[in-house]
Amino acid sequence: MNLPKVITDLIEAQNTFNSAAYANCFSESAVVFDEGKTHTGRKEIENWIADSNERYKSVMKPVNYKENGTESILEAEVSGTFPGSPLVLKFHFDIVDEKVQHLKVTD
């Protein structure tokens, strides 16, 4: 599977629980929508993923990837310490200038 470098970097950061490296995959004004909440800006995204890492210890394994213009959809098997693990989730990315501008996580 041929993934953009920013998504490969994001997966590596997730799988090593490196919240700072994860947040650095995003632009300064990026927005993340996950679990019914919106997180805006790199610092808020770093805090969100650090909390999520501590609570769920989730790792990602890519299973499918599609691109349509600036929108990309990564399907990944996510496993961790959450009910129903593992799950296949969809990560809807908008990537601008090799940084994630918008991410929405759906099932």
Protein backbone atom coordinates (compact mmCIF):
# COMPACT_ATOMS: atom_id res chain seq x y z
CA MET A 1 0.00 0.00 0.00
CA ASN A 2 1.45 3.34 -1.07
CA LEU A 3 0.74 5.94 1.64
CA PRO A 4 1.76 9.60 1.76
CA LYS A 5 4.73 10.22 4.07
CA VAL A 6 2.63 12.27 6.51
CA ILE A 7 0.23 9.33 6.99
CA THR A 8 3.11 6.87 7.37
CA ASP A 9 4.63 9.21 9.97
CA LEU A 10 1.28 9.51 11.76
CA ILE A 11 0.86 5.71 11.94
CA GLU A 12 4.41 5.29 13.25
CA ALA A 13 3.82 7.98 15.89
CA GLN A 14 0.54 6.32 16.92
CA ASN A 15 2.09 2.88 17.15
CA THR A 16 4.94 4.17 19.33
CA PHE A 17 2.62 6.37 21.45
CA ASN A 18 4.61 9.49 20.53
CA SER A 19 2.03 12.24 20.92
CA ALA A 20 4.45 15.06 19.99
CA ALA A 21 5.44 13.36 16.71
CA TYR A 22 1.75 12.61 16.03
CA ALA A 23 0.79 16.27 16.53
CA ASN A 24 3.65 17.38 14.25
CA CYS A 25 1.90 15.61 11.35
CA PHE A 26 -0.77 18.35 11.58
CA SER A 27 -0.75 22.00 10.52
CA GLU A 28 -0.89 24.66 13.26
CA SER A 29 -4.59 25.30 12.51
CA ALA A 30 -5.63 21.66 11.97
CA VAL A 31 -8.92 20.27 13.23
CA VAL A 32 -9.59 16.72 14.45
CA PHE A 33 -13.07 15.27 15.02
CA ASP A 34 -13.18 12.03 17.01
CA GLU A 35 -15.58 10.47 19.52
CA GLY A 36 -18.00 13.38 19.12
CA LYS A 37 -15.42 16.02 20.05
CA THR A 38 -13.50 18.61 18.03
CA HIS A 39 -9.84 19.38 18.73
CA THR A 40 -8.37 22.49 17.10
CA GLY A 41 -4.71 23.40 16.72
CA ARG A 42 -1.56 21.35 17.09
CA LYS A 43 -1.28 21.71 20.91
CA GLU A 44 -4.89 20.63 21.49
CA ILE A 45 -4.37 17.70 19.10
CA GLU A 46 -1.24 16.68 21.03
CA ASN A 47 -3.17 16.76 24.32
CA TRP A 48 -6.05 14.74 22.80
CA ILE A 49 -3.80 12.00 21.38
CA ALA A 50 -1.73 11.81 24.60
CA ASP A 51 -4.94 11.28 26.58
CA SER A 52 -6.23 8.76 24.03
CA ASN A 53 -2.90 6.88 24.09
CA GLU A 54 -3.03 6.64 27.87
CA ARG A 55 -6.66 5.47 27.94
CA TYR A 56 -6.71 3.09 24.95
CA LYS A 57 -3.11 2.10 24.08
CA SER A 58 -4.31 1.78 20.49
CA VAL A 59 -2.18 0.78 17.53
CA MET A 60 -3.07 1.02 13.84
CA LYS A 61 -2.60 -1.43 10.99
CA PRO A 62 -3.54 0.00 7.55
CA VAL A 63 -5.91 -2.19 5.52
CA ASN A 64 -7.03 0.12 2.68
CA TYR A 65 -6.28 3.59 1.32
CA LYS A 66 -8.03 5.84 -1.22
CA GLU A 67 -7.31 9.36 -2.45
CA ASN A 68 -9.65 11.85 -4.08
CA GLY A 69 -8.00 15.23 -4.60
CA THR A 70 -6.87 16.52 -1.20
CA GLU A 71 -9.17 14.07 0.63
CA SER A 72 -7.74 10.71 1.60
CA ILE A 73 -9.43 7.84 3.43
CA LEU A 74 -7.35 5.36 5.37
CA GLU A 75 -9.06 2.27 6.70
CA ALA A 76 -7.08 0.80 9.56
CA GLU A 77 -7.53 -2.00 12.03
CA VAL A 78 -7.21 -0.34 15.42
CA SER A 79 -6.60 -2.45 18.49
CA GLY A 80 -6.13 -1.45 22.10
CA THR A 81 -7.73 -1.46 25.53
CA PHE A 82 -11.19 -0.30 24.40
CA PRO A 83 -14.47 -2.25 24.11
CA GLY A 84 -14.82 -4.11 20.80
CA SER A 85 -11.09 -4.11 20.04
CA PRO A 86 -9.98 -4.57 17.33
CA LEU A 87 -12.13 -2.35 15.10
CA VAL A 88 -11.68 -1.17 11.53
CA LEU A 89 -11.98 2.62 11.55
CA LYS A 90 -11.93 5.15 8.72
CA PHE A 91 -9.61 8.12 8.95
CA HIS A 92 -10.75 10.91 6.61
CA PHE A 93 -7.79 13.23 5.97
CA ASP A 94 -7.46 16.55 4.19
CA ILE A 95 -3.75 16.98 3.49
CA VAL A 96 -2.37 20.37 2.44
CA ASP A 97 1.34 21.05 1.92
CA GLU A 98 2.24 17.61 3.36
CA LYS A 99 0.48 18.33 6.66
CA VAL A 100 -2.89 17.08 7.89
CA GLN A 101 -5.34 19.99 7.86
CA HIS A 102 -8.43 18.04 8.88
CA LEU A 103 -9.04 14.55 10.28
CA LYS A 104 -12.36 12.91 11.00
CA VAL A 105 -12.42 9.40 12.49
CA THR A 106 -15.49 7.26 11.72
CA ASP A 107 -16.47 3.62 11.96
